[in-house]
């Protein structure tokens, strides 16, 4: 199948967006980002200076002073305009995402659809404010009382390398719907994708409402400590989330911080194994395993372990590895060489802890792409709950088969980790599924689905150290961007 054209071969040196102007950074620290399929440099990006970060904060604050007074229906109209513009740009954004991150074009198209759904959900959130405001006449003689929600101000939004566009949409449209402004700080792994979606939005909204700064942890900390910044929305690693959480605690600022996970799939004895083997491909290898709600522990309850292993291995061998702009490809490269090396180290440690290799994806090569960061589907078996790797996220295309005697035993393993993103079960029994739903201590449950991805109007309801802060993301982030005010009035 022919390769889809790249939007650009090289995107140049990425600028900063400050106060509605795309400006070149004065920083002397410049990094490169590469196409994971070829290893070729596709852009350079600066590490913004403190002065530039400060300028972005000031621009966001100035814009807030007028944006907060833009009437609700006008804010909503701009969000609807953004939705239409994203529709027009869907294929272009999808190809940029594949070129910058490495996922397949089908996965990119799915991600951009999630972005559009978030904008639609933010439109709904804007009009949903009507029902959030409460009014009570004649609370006492001649006294009325009401509650309104008002925007807090400018926010820092930090997006990760695995979902640069989806994470952007999990906060930014909701902040704008609430009447807040943002300074976006994208991951250094794929800044072209964040740049592309910000350009689409910046064409629509007033200057300074959306600002973009390339930086990293220390620039994020610098932005967050500015008094005009009211809080932070973040998706990334738990360690970085803890740093922001501590800083927010010291500064008294609200946050929505989504971190790592360690997700499990439970295969019950009554499950359709043919179907389960196919769904496991998405669960364990979708986006090359670099997915918050993907899984790497596959717990087989009962005595059908070998039967599932045979079907799973056969299904995994059918996955075509290659450049994601080839529509026949089922799995792309890892996003970065460092990410791949980290997964390779994880595999080595799992083998050292007693796991046994069943399907080895290490050393994979793709003809015509010698510089790609390839790692093919890998399956291990003999996983045990006492192995350190059984509670540590692999974040790559790896599945570890584990044997359990009962659902209670599997639930004990799931609940024994510090993380709480998601857990899935494959079963034909409603009773079993109900027990699993009630007793698994995670925020997102999947029943006979590969990835329990909540729709945009539901929050990413993660638990334990997979989530820190005061409000979940997406629709629930309106609670992050708004604050309550009550009014008591006497007019007689």
Protein backbone atom coordinates (compact mmCIF):
# COMPACT_ATOMS: atom_id res chain seq x y z
CA UNK A 1 0.00 0.00 0.00
CA UNK A 2 1.30 3.49 -0.88
CA UNK A 3 2.67 5.72 1.81
CA UNK A 4 0.50 8.74 2.63
CA UNK A 5 2.33 12.06 2.01
CA UNK A 6 3.89 13.81 4.97
CA UNK A 7 2.47 17.29 5.61
CA UNK A 8 6.01 18.65 5.66
CA UNK A 9 9.39 16.99 5.62
CA UNK A 10 10.78 19.49 8.12
CA UNK A 11 8.88 21.98 10.29
CA UNK A 12 11.82 24.30 10.96
CA UNK A 13 12.59 25.86 14.31
CA UNK A 14 9.35 25.95 16.31
CA UNK A 15 8.45 29.38 17.69
CA UNK A 16 6.73 30.33 20.92
CA UNK A 17 3.19 31.71 21.01
CA UNK A 18 3.03 34.74 23.31
CA UNK A 19 0.15 37.19 23.32
CA UNK A 20 -1.09 36.04 19.93
CA UNK A 21 2.29 36.41 18.20
CA UNK A 22 4.49 33.54 17.05
CA UNK A 23 7.96 34.65 18.15
CA UNK A 24 11.39 33.10 17.87
CA UNK A 25 12.93 32.28 21.21
CA UNK A 26 16.15 34.01 22.25
CA UNK A 27 17.25 30.86 24.04
CA UNK A 28 20.58 29.34 23.07
CA UNK A 29 19.34 25.92 24.19
CA UNK A 30 17.80 24.25 21.16
CA UNK A 31 16.81 20.61 20.83
CA UNK A 32 15.73 18.41 17.95
CA UNK A 33 12.70 16.19 17.48
CA UNK A 34 12.72 13.27 15.08
CA UNK A 35 10.37 11.14 13.04
CA UNK A 36 10.38 7.84 15.03
CA UNK A 37 10.01 5.78 11.85
CA UNK A 38 13.06 7.22 10.12
CA UNK A 39 15.12 8.78 12.87
CA UNK A 40 15.36 11.94 10.75
CA UNK A 41 15.11 15.36 12.38
CA UNK A 42 11.78 17.02 11.55
CA UNK A 43 12.05 20.16 13.71
CA UNK A 44 14.10 22.06 16.25
CA UNK A 45 12.56 23.63 19.32
CA UNK A 46 13.94 25.96 21.99
CA UNK A 47 13.97 25.68 25.74
CA UNK A 48 12.28 28.95 26.58
CA UNK A 49 14.01 31.40 28.88
CA UNK A 50 12.52 32.55 32.18
CA UNK A 51 11.83 35.95 30.64
CA UNK A 52 9.88 34.33 27.81
CA UNK A 53 7.91 32.18 30.27
CA UNK A 54 7.13 35.32 32.26
CA UNK A 55 5.99 37.11 29.09
CA UNK A 56 3.61 34.24 28.29
CA UNK A 57 2.14 34.38 31.79
CA UNK A 58 1.65 38.15 31.55
CA UNK A 59 -0.01 37.73 28.15
CA UNK A 60 -2.35 35.06 29.51
CA UNK A 61 -3.25 37.25 32.48
CA UNK A 62 -3.92 40.32 30.32
CA UNK A 63 -6.10 38.26 28.01
CA UNK A 64 -8.01 36.84 30.98
CA UNK A 65 -9.08 40.30 32.10
CA UNK A 66 -11.09 40.69 28.90
CA UNK A 67 -11.79 37.03 28.05
CA UNK A 68 -13.63 36.45 31.34
CA UNK A 69 -16.12 39.14 30.32
CA UNK A 70 -16.83 37.71 26.88
CA UNK A 71 -20.42 36.57 27.10
CA UNK A 72 -21.14 32.88 27.29
CA UNK A 73 -22.77 32.53 23.89
CA UNK A 74 -19.83 34.25 22.19
CA UNK A 75 -17.33 31.97 23.95
CA UNK A 76 -19.43 28.99 22.92
CA UNK A 77 -19.54 30.18 19.31
CA UNK A 78 -15.75 30.28 19.15
CA UNK A 79 -15.60 26.75 20.54
CA UNK A 80 -18.05 25.63 17.87
CA UNK A 81 -15.85 27.38 15.28
CA UNK A 82 -12.86 25.45 16.67
CA UNK A 83 -14.77 22.21 16.32
CA UNK A 84 -15.48 22.99 12.64
CA UNK A 85 -11.88 23.99 11.95
CA UNK A 86 -10.57 20.78 13.54
CA UNK A 87 -12.92 18.82 11.33
CA UNK A 88 -11.39 20.49 8.28
CA UNK A 89 -7.86 19.82 9.55
CA UNK A 90 -8.48 16.28 10.81
CA UNK A 91 -6.43 14.43 8.22
CA UNK A 92 -3.56 16.95 8.27
CA UNK A 93 -3.34 16.81 12.07
CA UNK A 94 -3.49 13.02 11.99
CA UNK A 95 -0.54 12.77 9.62
CA UNK A 96 1.49 15.23 11.69
CA UNK A 97 0.73 13.18 14.80
CA UNK A 98 1.91 9.98 13.12
CA UNK A 99 5.03 11.67 11.81
CA UNK A 100 5.88 13.19 15.20
CA UNK A 101 4.80 10.43 17.61
CA UNK A 102 5.05 7.23 15.55
CA UNK A 103 1.59 5.70 16.02
CA UNK A 104 -0.31 4.37 13.00
CA UNK A 105 -2.45 6.68 10.91
CA UNK A 106 -5.62 4.90 12.10
CA UNK A 107 -4.57 5.50 15.70
CA UNK A 108 -3.84 9.14 14.91
CA UNK A 109 -7.22 9.59 13.27
CA UNK A 110 -8.79 8.10 16.38
CA UNK A 111 -6.82 10.51 18.60
CA UNK A 112 -7.90 13.53 16.58
CA UNK A 113 -11.51 12.37 16.82
CA UNK A 114 -11.04 12.28 20.61
CA UNK A 115 -9.81 15.88 20.36
CA UNK A 116 -12.93 16.90 18.45
CA UNK A 117 -15.13 15.08 20.95
CA UNK A 118 -13.49 17.03 23.76
CA UNK A 119 -14.25 20.30 22.00
CA UNK A 120 -17.86 19.19 21.55
CA UNK A 121 -17.95 18.28 25.23
CA UNK A 122 -16.53 21.71 26.13
CA UNK A 123 -19.33 23.35 24.10
CA UNK A 124 -21.74 21.33 26.19
CA UNK A 125 -19.92 22.35 29.38
CA UNK A 126 -20.28 26.03 28.47
CA UNK A 127 -24.03 25.77 28.07
CA UNK A 128 -24.17 23.39 31.03
CA UNK A 129 -23.16 26.28 33.29
CA UNK A 130 -26.80 27.32 33.21
CA UNK A 131 -27.82 24.44 35.42
CA UNK A 132 -24.82 24.89 37.74
CA UNK A 133 -25.95 28.34 38.82
CA UNK A 134 -28.58 28.25 41.56
CA UNK A 135 -31.02 30.89 42.74
CA UNK A 136 -33.37 30.94 45.70
CA UNK A 137 -35.97 33.68 46.09
CA UNK A 138 -37.19 34.73 49.52
CA UNK A 139 -34.70 32.69 51.54
CA UNK A 140 -35.75 34.92 54.41
CA UNK A 141 -38.13 37.83 54.38
CA UNK A 142 -36.95 40.12 51.58
CA UNK A 143 -33.72 38.18 51.12
CA UNK A 144 -32.67 36.29 47.98
CA UNK A 145 -29.60 34.11 47.62
CA UNK A 146 -27.81 32.64 44.63
CA UNK A 147 -24.67 30.82 43.63
CA UNK A 148 -22.62 31.56 40.54
CA UNK A 149 -19.45 30.03 39.12
CA UNK A 150 -16.72 32.38 37.98
CA UNK A 151 -13.44 31.74 36.12
CA UNK A 152 -10.26 31.73 38.18
CA UNK A 153 -7.71 33.13 35.71
CA UNK A 154 -4.73 31.84 33.73
CA UNK A 155 -3.67 28.16 33.97
CA UNK A 156 -0.60 26.14 33.07
CA UNK A 157 -1.40 23.11 30.89
CA UNK A 158 1.35 20.46 30.55
CA UNK A 159 0.89 17.80 27.87
CA UNK A 160 2.73 14.44 27.62
CA UNK A 161 4.60 12.70 24.82
CA UNK A 162 2.17 9.81 24.34
CA UNK A 163 -1.01 11.84 23.69
CA UNK A 164 0.14 15.38 22.76
CA UNK A 165 -3.13 16.38 21.08
CA UNK A 166 -5.62 14.40 23.16
CA UNK A 167 -4.16 15.73 26.42
CA UNK A 168 -4.26 19.28 25.03
CA UNK A 169 -7.96 18.82 24.38
CA UNK A 170 -8.55 17.31 27.82
CA UNK A 171 -7.96 20.74 29.38
CA UNK A 172 -7.66 23.65 26.94
CA UNK A 173 -11.22 23.75 25.47
CA UNK A 174 -12.71 23.44 28.96
CA UNK A 175 -10.52 26.26 30.30
CA UNK A 176 -11.68 28.47 27.43
CA UNK A 177 -15.32 27.45 28.00
CA UNK A 178 -14.96 28.46 31.64
CA UNK A 179 -13.54 31.88 30.72
CA UNK A 180 -9.94 31.08 31.68
CA UNK A 181 -6.77 31.47 29.61
CA UNK A 182 -3.82 29.08 29.25
CA UNK A 183 -0.08 28.73 28.88
CA UNK A 184 0.55 25.36 27.23
CA UNK A 185 3.84 23.55 27.84
CA UNK A 186 4.12 20.50 25.54
CA UNK A 187 6.32 17.44 25.90
CA UNK A 188 9.75 17.55 24.33
CA UNK A 189 9.08 14.14 22.75
CA UNK A 190 6.70 15.38 20.05
CA UNK A 191 6.39 19.19 20.08
CA UNK A 192 5.36 19.42 16.43
CA UNK A 193 1.99 17.84 17.21
CA UNK A 194 1.33 20.30 20.04
CA UNK A 195 2.44 23.19 17.84
CA UNK A 196 0.05 22.06 15.06
CA UNK A 197 -3.09 21.86 17.17
CA UNK A 198 -2.30 25.12 18.95
CA UNK A 199 -1.98 26.87 15.58
CA UNK A 200 -5.48 25.75 14.64
CA UNK A 201 -6.95 27.13 17.87
CA UNK A 202 -4.89 30.33 17.88
CA UNK A 203 -6.45 31.34 14.55
CA UNK A 204 -9.87 31.45 16.23
CA UNK A 205 -9.48 32.81 19.76
CA UNK A 206 -8.44 36.35 20.80
CA UNK A 207 -4.75 37.09 21.23
CA UNK A 208 -3.27 35.88 24.49
CA UNK A 209 -6.07 33.46 25.36
CA UNK A 210 -3.82 30.58 24.29
CA UNK A 211 -0.03 30.78 24.73
CA UNK A 212 2.59 28.12 24.01
CA UNK A 213 6.01 27.75 25.64
CA UNK A 214 8.55 24.98 24.99
CA UNK A 215 10.49 24.25 28.12
CA UNK A 216 10.42 21.29 30.46
CA UNK A 217 10.12 20.67 34.19
CA UNK A 218 12.06 23.70 35.39
CA UNK A 219 10.18 26.08 33.09
CA UNK A 220 6.89 24.50 34.19
CA UNK A 221 7.86 25.13 37.82
CA UNK A 222 8.81 28.70 36.94
CA UNK A 223 5.44 29.31 35.26
CA UNK A 224 3.48 27.71 38.09
CA UNK A 225 5.10 29.90 40.74
CA UNK A 226 3.99 33.10 38.96
CA UNK A 227 1.21 34.74 41.00
CA UNK A 228 -1.08 35.18 37.96
CA UNK A 229 -1.16 31.43 37.32
CA UNK A 230 -4.05 29.93 39.25
CA UNK A 231 -3.33 26.21 38.85
CA UNK A 232 -2.19 23.41 36.54
CA UNK A 233 -3.64 20.66 34.37
CA UNK A 234 -1.12 17.90 33.68
CA UNK A 235 -0.88 14.46 32.07
CA UNK A 236 2.48 12.69 32.30
CA UNK A 237 4.58 10.65 34.70
CA UNK A 238 3.67 10.21 38.36
CA UNK A 239 7.10 11.49 39.44
CA UNK A 240 6.60 14.77 37.54
CA UNK A 241 3.03 14.89 38.86
CA UNK A 242 4.27 14.60 42.44
CA UNK A 243 6.65 17.52 41.86
CA UNK A 244 3.79 19.69 40.61
CA UNK A 245 1.53 18.44 43.42
CA UNK A 246 4.07 19.48 46.07
CA UNK A 247 4.51 22.86 44.42
CA UNK A 248 0.75 23.40 44.22
CA UNK A 249 0.49 22.53 47.92
CA UNK A 250 3.13 25.10 48.82
CA UNK A 251 1.50 27.74 46.62
CA UNK A 252 -2.09 26.86 47.52
CA UNK A 253 -3.09 26.27 43.90
CA UNK A 254 -5.53 23.65 42.53
CA UNK A 255 -4.41 20.95 40.14
CA UNK A 256 -5.46 18.04 37.96
CA UNK A 257 -2.47 15.66 37.68
CA UNK A 258 -2.66 12.36 35.80
CA UNK A 259 0.30 9.99 36.15
CA UNK A 260 1.47 6.45 35.43
CA UNK A 261 -0.56 3.24 35.67
CA UNK A 262 -0.13 -0.52 35.86
CA UNK A 263 -3.15 -1.96 34.16
CA UNK A 264 -4.33 -5.57 34.09
CA UNK A 265 -6.57 -7.65 31.85
CA UNK A 266 -8.30 -10.65 33.45
CA UNK A 267 -9.30 -13.57 31.22
CA UNK A 268 -11.98 -15.70 32.93
CA UNK A 269 -12.54 -19.39 32.12
CA UNK A 270 -15.81 -18.63 30.29
CA UNK A 271 -14.30 -15.94 28.04
CA UNK A 272 -14.36 -16.17 24.25
CA UNK A 273 -10.63 -16.71 23.76
CA UNK A 274 -10.67 -16.06 20.02
CA UNK A 275 -12.18 -12.64 20.65
CA UNK A 276 -9.99 -12.01 23.69
CA UNK A 277 -6.80 -12.70 21.69
CA UNK A 278 -7.80 -10.09 19.11
CA UNK A 279 -8.73 -7.47 21.71
CA UNK A 280 -5.46 -8.05 23.55
CA UNK A 281 -3.64 -6.70 20.50
CA UNK A 282 -5.24 -3.31 21.05
CA UNK A 283 -4.97 -3.50 24.81
CA UNK A 284 -1.27 -4.39 24.92
CA UNK A 285 0.10 -3.08 21.61
CA UNK A 286 -2.17 -0.15 20.69
CA UNK A 287 -0.04 3.00 20.28
CA UNK A 288 2.88 0.63 20.80
CA UNK A 289 1.95 0.20 24.43
CA UNK A 290 2.50 3.90 25.17
CA UNK A 291 -1.03 4.39 26.44
CA UNK A 292 -2.31 5.42 29.88
CA UNK A 293 -5.12 2.87 29.77
CA UNK A 294 -3.26 0.11 27.92
CA UNK A 295 -2.36 -3.11 29.76
CA UNK A 296 0.71 -5.27 30.10
CA UNK A 297 -0.38 -7.84 32.71
CA UNK A 298 -2.68 -10.52 31.24
CA UNK A 299 -4.06 -12.62 34.11
CA UNK A 300 -5.56 -15.94 33.01
CA UNK A 301 -7.90 -17.45 35.60
CA UNK A 302 -8.31 -21.25 35.59
CA UNK A 303 -6.71 -23.78 33.26
CA UNK A 304 -6.98 -22.14 29.81
CA UNK A 305 -3.60 -20.38 29.96
CA UNK A 306 -1.95 -22.42 27.20
CA UNK A 307 -4.97 -22.18 24.92
CA UNK A 308 -5.01 -18.36 25.23
CA UNK A 309 -1.23 -18.17 24.81
CA UNK A 310 -1.41 -20.03 21.51
CA UNK A 311 -4.14 -17.80 20.13
CA UNK A 312 -2.53 -14.59 21.43
CA UNK A 313 0.87 -15.42 19.94
CA UNK A 314 -0.71 -16.27 16.59
CA UNK A 315 -2.64 -12.98 16.58
CA UNK A 316 0.42 -10.93 17.62
CA UNK A 317 2.50 -12.39 14.77
CA UNK A 318 0.02 -10.96 12.25
CA UNK A 319 0.76 -7.37 13.26
CA UNK A 320 2.67 -5.54 10.54
CA UNK A 321 5.39 -3.26 11.86
CA UNK A 322 6.23 -0.13 9.88
CA UNK A 323 5.85 3.58 9.24
CA UNK A 324 2.40 4.61 10.41
CA UNK A 325 1.67 6.63 7.26
CA UNK A 326 1.41 3.28 5.45
CA UNK A 327 -2.26 2.42 6.05
CA UNK A 328 -1.53 -1.32 5.99
CA UNK A 329 0.71 -1.05 9.06
CA UNK A 330 -0.70 -2.26 12.37
CA UNK A 331 2.07 -1.08 14.68
CA UNK A 332 4.42 1.90 14.47
CA UNK A 333 7.78 2.60 16.14
CA UNK A 334 8.38 3.71 19.72
CA UNK A 335 8.20 7.48 20.12
CA UNK A 336 11.85 7.92 21.18
CA UNK A 337 15.03 5.81 21.37
CA UNK A 338 15.14 6.46 25.12
CA UNK A 339 11.61 5.13 25.49
CA UNK A 340 12.53 2.00 23.59
CA UNK A 341 15.68 1.48 25.69
CA UNK A 342 13.61 1.80 28.85
CA UNK A 343 11.24 -0.94 27.67
CA UNK A 344 14.16 -3.16 26.66
CA UNK A 345 15.59 -2.74 30.16
CA UNK A 346 12.18 -3.59 31.64
CA UNK A 347 12.08 -6.81 29.58
CA UNK A 348 15.57 -7.79 30.71
CA UNK A 349 14.63 -7.24 34.34
CA UNK A 350 11.42 -9.27 33.94
CA UNK A 351 13.44 -12.15 32.47
CA UNK A 352 15.87 -11.86 35.36
CA UNK A 353 12.98 -12.06 37.82
CA UNK A 354 11.82 -15.37 36.34
CA UNK A 355 9.62 -14.52 33.37
CA UNK A 356 10.03 -16.64 30.23
CA UNK A 357 10.14 -15.29 26.69
CA UNK A 358 7.32 -16.52 24.43
CA UNK A 359 7.43 -14.01 21.56
CA UNK A 360 10.51 -11.80 21.30
CA UNK A 361 10.03 -8.42 19.58
CA UNK A 362 13.49 -7.14 20.38
CA UNK A 363 15.80 -6.54 17.46
CA UNK A 364 12.91 -5.98 15.07
CA UNK A 365 13.80 -4.32 11.78
CA UNK A 366 11.70 -2.76 9.04
CA UNK A 367 12.97 -2.79 5.47
CA UNK A 368 13.64 0.71 4.21
CA UNK A 369 13.65 2.25 7.69
CA UNK A 370 16.99 1.42 9.31
CA UNK A 371 16.82 4.46 11.60
CA UNK A 372 13.41 3.71 13.13
CA UNK A 373 12.89 3.02 16.82
CA UNK A 374 11.39 -0.45 16.32
CA UNK A 375 10.16 -2.85 18.95
CA UNK A 376 7.74 -5.57 17.84
CA UNK A 377 5.05 -7.25 19.99
CA UNK A 378 6.61 -9.13 22.88
CA UNK A 379 4.95 -11.78 25.05
CA UNK A 380 6.35 -13.16 28.29
CA UNK A 381 4.89 -15.82 30.58
CA UNK A 382 5.40 -17.03 34.15
CA UNK A 383 4.66 -13.57 35.52
CA UNK A 384 4.15 -13.48 39.28
CA UNK A 385 2.74 -10.76 41.55
CA UNK A 386 5.93 -10.70 43.65
CA UNK A 387 8.06 -9.65 40.66
CA UNK A 388 8.93 -5.91 40.77
CA UNK A 389 8.08 -5.61 37.07
CA UNK A 390 4.57 -6.94 37.71
CA UNK A 391 3.72 -3.68 39.49
CA UNK A 392 5.82 -1.36 37.28
CA UNK A 393 4.48 0.04 34.03
CA UNK A 394 6.35 -1.26 30.96
CA UNK A 395 4.98 1.50 28.66
CA UNK A 396 5.81 -0.46 25.55
CA UNK A 397 4.47 -3.32 23.38
CA UNK A 398 4.85 -5.97 26.05
CA UNK A 399 2.39 -8.45 27.56
CA UNK A 400 3.11 -10.73 30.51
CA UNK A 401 0.92 -13.80 31.00
CA UNK A 402 0.13 -14.63 34.63
CA UNK A 403 -1.77 -17.62 36.03
CA UNK A 404 -4.41 -17.12 38.76
CA UNK A 405 -6.55 -19.68 40.51
CA UNK A 406 -9.55 -17.43 41.07
CA UNK A 407 -11.01 -13.99 40.43
CA UNK A 408 -10.35 -13.08 44.07
CA UNK A 409 -6.66 -13.83 43.57
CA UNK A 410 -6.56 -11.66 40.42
CA UNK A 411 -8.34 -8.83 42.23
CA UNK A 412 -5.78 -9.05 45.02
CA UNK A 413 -2.98 -8.54 42.50
CA UNK A 414 -4.78 -5.62 40.82
CA UNK A 415 -5.48 -3.93 44.12
CA UNK A 416 -1.97 -4.54 45.39
CA UNK A 417 -0.37 -1.88 43.20
CA UNK A 418 0.01 1.81 43.95
CA UNK A 419 -1.66 2.70 40.64
CA UNK A 420 -5.34 2.87 39.72
CA UNK A 421 -5.90 3.81 36.08
CA UNK A 422 -7.82 0.84 34.72
CA UNK A 423 -8.56 -2.88 34.69
CA UNK A 424 -10.42 -5.02 32.14
CA UNK A 425 -12.15 -8.39 32.34
CA UNK A 426 -13.26 -10.81 29.64
CA UNK A 427 -16.16 -12.99 30.74
CA UNK A 428 -19.62 -14.19 29.72
CA UNK A 429 -20.91 -13.88 33.29
CA UNK A 430 -22.73 -10.75 34.44
CA UNK A 431 -22.27 -11.83 38.05
CA UNK A 432 -18.51 -12.07 37.61
CA UNK A 433 -18.36 -8.74 35.79
CA UNK A 434 -20.39 -7.07 38.54
CA UNK A 435 -18.07 -8.38 41.25
CA UNK A 436 -15.05 -7.19 39.26
CA UNK A 437 -16.58 -3.76 38.73
CA UNK A 438 -17.33 -3.32 42.42
CA UNK A 439 -14.08 -4.69 43.84
CA UNK A 440 -11.30 -3.57 41.45
CA UNK A 441 -9.75 -0.43 42.94
CA UNK A 442 -9.25 1.47 39.71
CA UNK A 443 -10.98 4.40 38.11
CA UNK A 444 -11.81 2.91 34.71
CA UNK A 445 -13.31 -0.57 34.29
CA UNK A 446 -13.54 -2.46 31.00
CA UNK A 447 -15.88 -5.41 30.47
CA UNK A 448 -15.17 -7.26 27.24
CA UNK A 449 -13.41 -4.21 25.80
CA UNK A 450 -9.72 -3.73 25.08
CA UNK A 451 -9.24 -0.21 26.41
CA UNK A 452 -11.76 1.37 28.84
CA UNK A 453 -11.38 4.86 27.41
CA UNK A 454 -14.10 7.15 28.83
CA UNK A 455 -15.93 9.37 26.38
CA UNK A 456 -15.14 13.09 26.59
CA UNK A 457 -18.07 13.99 28.84
CA UNK A 458 -16.87 11.45 31.42
CA UNK A 459 -13.68 12.17 33.41
CA UNK A 460 -10.57 10.02 33.28
CA UNK A 461 -11.53 8.70 36.70
CA UNK A 462 -8.20 7.30 37.83
CA UNK A 463 -7.39 6.47 41.46
CA UNK A 464 -4.47 6.11 43.89
CA UNK A 465 -1.19 7.60 42.58
CA UNK A 466 -2.43 7.52 39.00
CA UNK A 467 -4.27 10.72 39.86
CA UNK A 468 -3.39 13.63 42.14
CA UNK A 469 -5.18 16.91 42.57
CA UNK A 470 -8.56 18.48 43.08
CA UNK A 471 -10.44 17.80 39.81
CA UNK A 472 -10.30 15.14 37.11
CA UNK A 473 -9.70 16.04 33.45
CA UNK A 474 -12.13 16.68 30.55
CA UNK A 475 -15.66 17.74 31.54
CA UNK A 476 -14.73 17.41 35.22
CA UNK A 477 -11.93 19.96 34.75
CA UNK A 478 -14.57 22.70 34.78
CA UNK A 479 -14.27 22.30 38.55
CA UNK A 480 -10.58 23.15 38.22
CA UNK A 481 -11.15 26.31 36.21
CA UNK A 482 -14.18 27.69 38.05
CA UNK A 483 -14.84 28.78 41.61
CA UNK A 484 -18.13 29.33 43.44
CA UNK A 485 -19.50 32.64 44.66
CA UNK A 486 -22.66 33.04 46.70
CA UNK A 487 -24.63 36.26 46.84
CA UNK A 488 -27.09 37.22 49.56
CA UNK A 489 -29.26 40.23 48.71
CA UNK A 490 -32.00 42.23 50.46
CA UNK A 491 -34.05 44.58 48.29
CA UNK A 492 -37.05 45.24 50.53
